[in-house]
């Protein structure tokens, strides 16, 4: 009975600690410097690997505008 409680407690703690809030910070830069740099932050709840994948896929380069996103 004691072992069952310990195992159950461990499983609950391990599942609860997987999902946290992570901040994805995107910096938008204009190569021609017509517009000032902008920083956009988005908060995601999930596993760190999943959030990193979601955040980094938002990085892109279009013409003179570059968006670079990282998890902080």
C-alpha atoms as a PDB file:
ATOM      1  CA  UNK A   1       0.000   0.000   0.000  1.00  0.00           C
ATOM      2  CA  UNK A   2       2.820   2.369   0.897  1.00  0.00           C
ATOM      3  CA  UNK A   3       4.621   1.612  -2.376  1.00  0.00           C
ATOM      4  CA  UNK A   4       1.436   2.273  -4.347  1.00  0.00           C
ATOM      5  CA  UNK A   5       1.080   5.712  -2.738  1.00  0.00           C
ATOM      6  CA  UNK A   6       4.720   6.564  -3.447  1.00  0.00           C
ATOM      7  CA  UNK A   7       4.466   5.485  -7.073  1.00  0.00           C
ATOM      8  CA  UNK A   8       1.176   7.357  -7.529  1.00  0.00           C
ATOM      9  CA  UNK A   9       2.668  10.511  -6.009  1.00  0.00           C
ATOM     10  CA  UNK A  10       5.721  10.297  -8.248  1.00  0.00           C
ATOM     11  CA  UNK A  11       3.602   9.859 -11.384  1.00  0.00           C
ATOM     12  CA  UNK A  12       1.362  12.809 -10.499  1.00  0.00           C
ATOM     13  CA  UNK A  13       4.336  15.074  -9.796  1.00  0.00           C
ATOM     14  CA  UNK A  14       6.131  14.081 -12.979  1.00  0.00           C
ATOM     15  CA  UNK A  15       3.062  14.776 -15.119  1.00  0.00           C
ATOM     16  CA  UNK A  16       2.313  18.074 -13.416  1.00  0.00           C
ATOM     17  CA  UNK A  17       5.848  19.369 -13.849  1.00  0.00           C
ATOM     18  CA  UNK A  18       5.954  18.803 -17.613  1.00  0.00           C
ATOM     19  CA  UNK A  19       3.708  21.701 -18.594  1.00  0.00           C
ATOM     20  CA  UNK A  20       4.940  25.163 -17.709  1.00  0.00           C
ATOM     21  CA  UNK A  21       4.581  28.654 -19.066  1.00  0.00           C
ATOM     22  CA  UNK A  22       7.289  29.644 -21.530  1.00  0.00           C
ATOM     23  CA  UNK A  23       7.706  33.015 -23.223  1.00  0.00           C
ATOM     24  CA  UNK A  24       8.433  33.136 -26.940  1.00  0.00           C
ATOM     25  CA  UNK A  25      10.113  36.440 -27.755  1.00  0.00           C
ATOM     26  CA  UNK A  26      10.134  37.550 -31.388  1.00  0.00           C
ATOM     27  CA  UNK A  27      12.279  40.438 -32.584  1.00  0.00           C
ATOM     28  CA  UNK A  28      11.149  42.026 -35.827  1.00  0.00           C
ATOM     29  CA  UNK A  29      13.944  43.888 -37.609  1.00  0.00           C
ATOM     30  CA  UNK A  30      13.711  46.080 -40.702  1.00  0.00           C
ATOM     31  CA  UNK A  31      16.926  45.908 -42.748  1.00  0.00           C
ATOM     32  CA  UNK A  32      16.292  49.365 -44.247  1.00  0.00           C
ATOM     33  CA  UNK A  33      15.641  50.780 -40.766  1.00  0.00           C
ATOM     34  CA  UNK A  34      12.465  52.522 -41.907  1.00  0.00           C
ATOM     35  CA  UNK A  35      10.641  51.112 -38.885  1.00  0.00           C
ATOM     36  CA  UNK A  36      12.199  50.663 -35.431  1.00  0.00           C
ATOM     37  CA  UNK A  37      12.806  47.141 -34.133  1.00  0.00           C
ATOM     38  CA  UNK A  38       9.776  45.630 -32.471  1.00  0.00           C
ATOM     39  CA  UNK A  39       9.658  42.925 -29.827  1.00  0.00           C
ATOM     40  CA  UNK A  40       6.578  40.719 -29.545  1.00  0.00           C
ATOM     41  CA  UNK A  41       6.141  38.224 -26.707  1.00  0.00           C
ATOM     42  CA  UNK A  42       3.765  35.266 -26.639  1.00  0.00           C
ATOM     43  CA  UNK A  43       3.272  32.979 -23.635  1.00  0.00           C
ATOM     44  CA  UNK A  44       2.763  29.286 -24.317  1.00  0.00           C
ATOM     45  CA  UNK A  45       1.902  26.532 -21.839  1.00  0.00           C
ATOM     46  CA  UNK A  46       3.345  23.146 -22.612  1.00  0.00           C
ATOM     47  CA  UNK A  47       6.446  21.007 -22.680  1.00  0.00           C
ATOM     48  CA  UNK A  48       9.658  22.888 -23.379  1.00  0.00           C
ATOM     49  CA  UNK A  49      10.481  20.969 -26.564  1.00  0.00           C
ATOM     50  CA  UNK A  50       7.007  21.559 -28.003  1.00  0.00           C
ATOM     51  CA  UNK A  51       7.107  25.266 -27.168  1.00  0.00           C
ATOM     52  CA  UNK A  52      10.602  25.645 -28.670  1.00  0.00           C
ATOM     53  CA  UNK A  53       9.438  24.019 -31.912  1.00  0.00           C
ATOM     54  CA  UNK A  54       6.356  26.250 -32.090  1.00  0.00           C
ATOM     55  CA  UNK A  55       8.363  29.362 -31.295  1.00  0.00           C
ATOM     56  CA  UNK A  56      11.224  28.778 -33.726  1.00  0.00           C
ATOM     57  CA  UNK A  57       8.858  28.001 -36.608  1.00  0.00           C
ATOM     58  CA  UNK A  58       7.642  31.608 -36.329  1.00  0.00           C
ATOM     59  CA  UNK A  59      11.087  32.877 -37.339  1.00  0.00           C
ATOM     60  CA  UNK A  60      11.087  34.026 -40.941  1.00  0.00           C
ATOM     61  CA  UNK A  61      12.672  36.372 -43.443  1.00  0.00           C
ATOM     62  CA  UNK A  62      10.620  38.270 -45.999  1.00  0.00           C
ATOM     63  CA  UNK A  63      12.240  40.892 -48.224  1.00  0.00           C
ATOM     64  CA  UNK A  64      13.822  43.347 -45.775  1.00  0.00           C
ATOM     65  CA  UNK A  65      11.922  42.210 -42.664  1.00  0.00           C
ATOM     66  CA  UNK A  66      13.472  39.547 -40.434  1.00  0.00           C
ATOM     67  CA  UNK A  67      11.621  37.931 -37.545  1.00  0.00           C
ATOM     68  CA  UNK A  68      13.731  35.981 -35.057  1.00  0.00           C
ATOM     69  CA  UNK A  69      11.963  34.051 -32.285  1.00  0.00           C
ATOM     70  CA  UNK A  70      13.513  32.378 -29.235  1.00  0.00           C
ATOM     71  CA  UNK A  71      12.188  30.887 -26.006  1.00  0.00           C
ATOM     72  CA  UNK A  72      13.147  32.817 -22.889  1.00  0.00           C
END
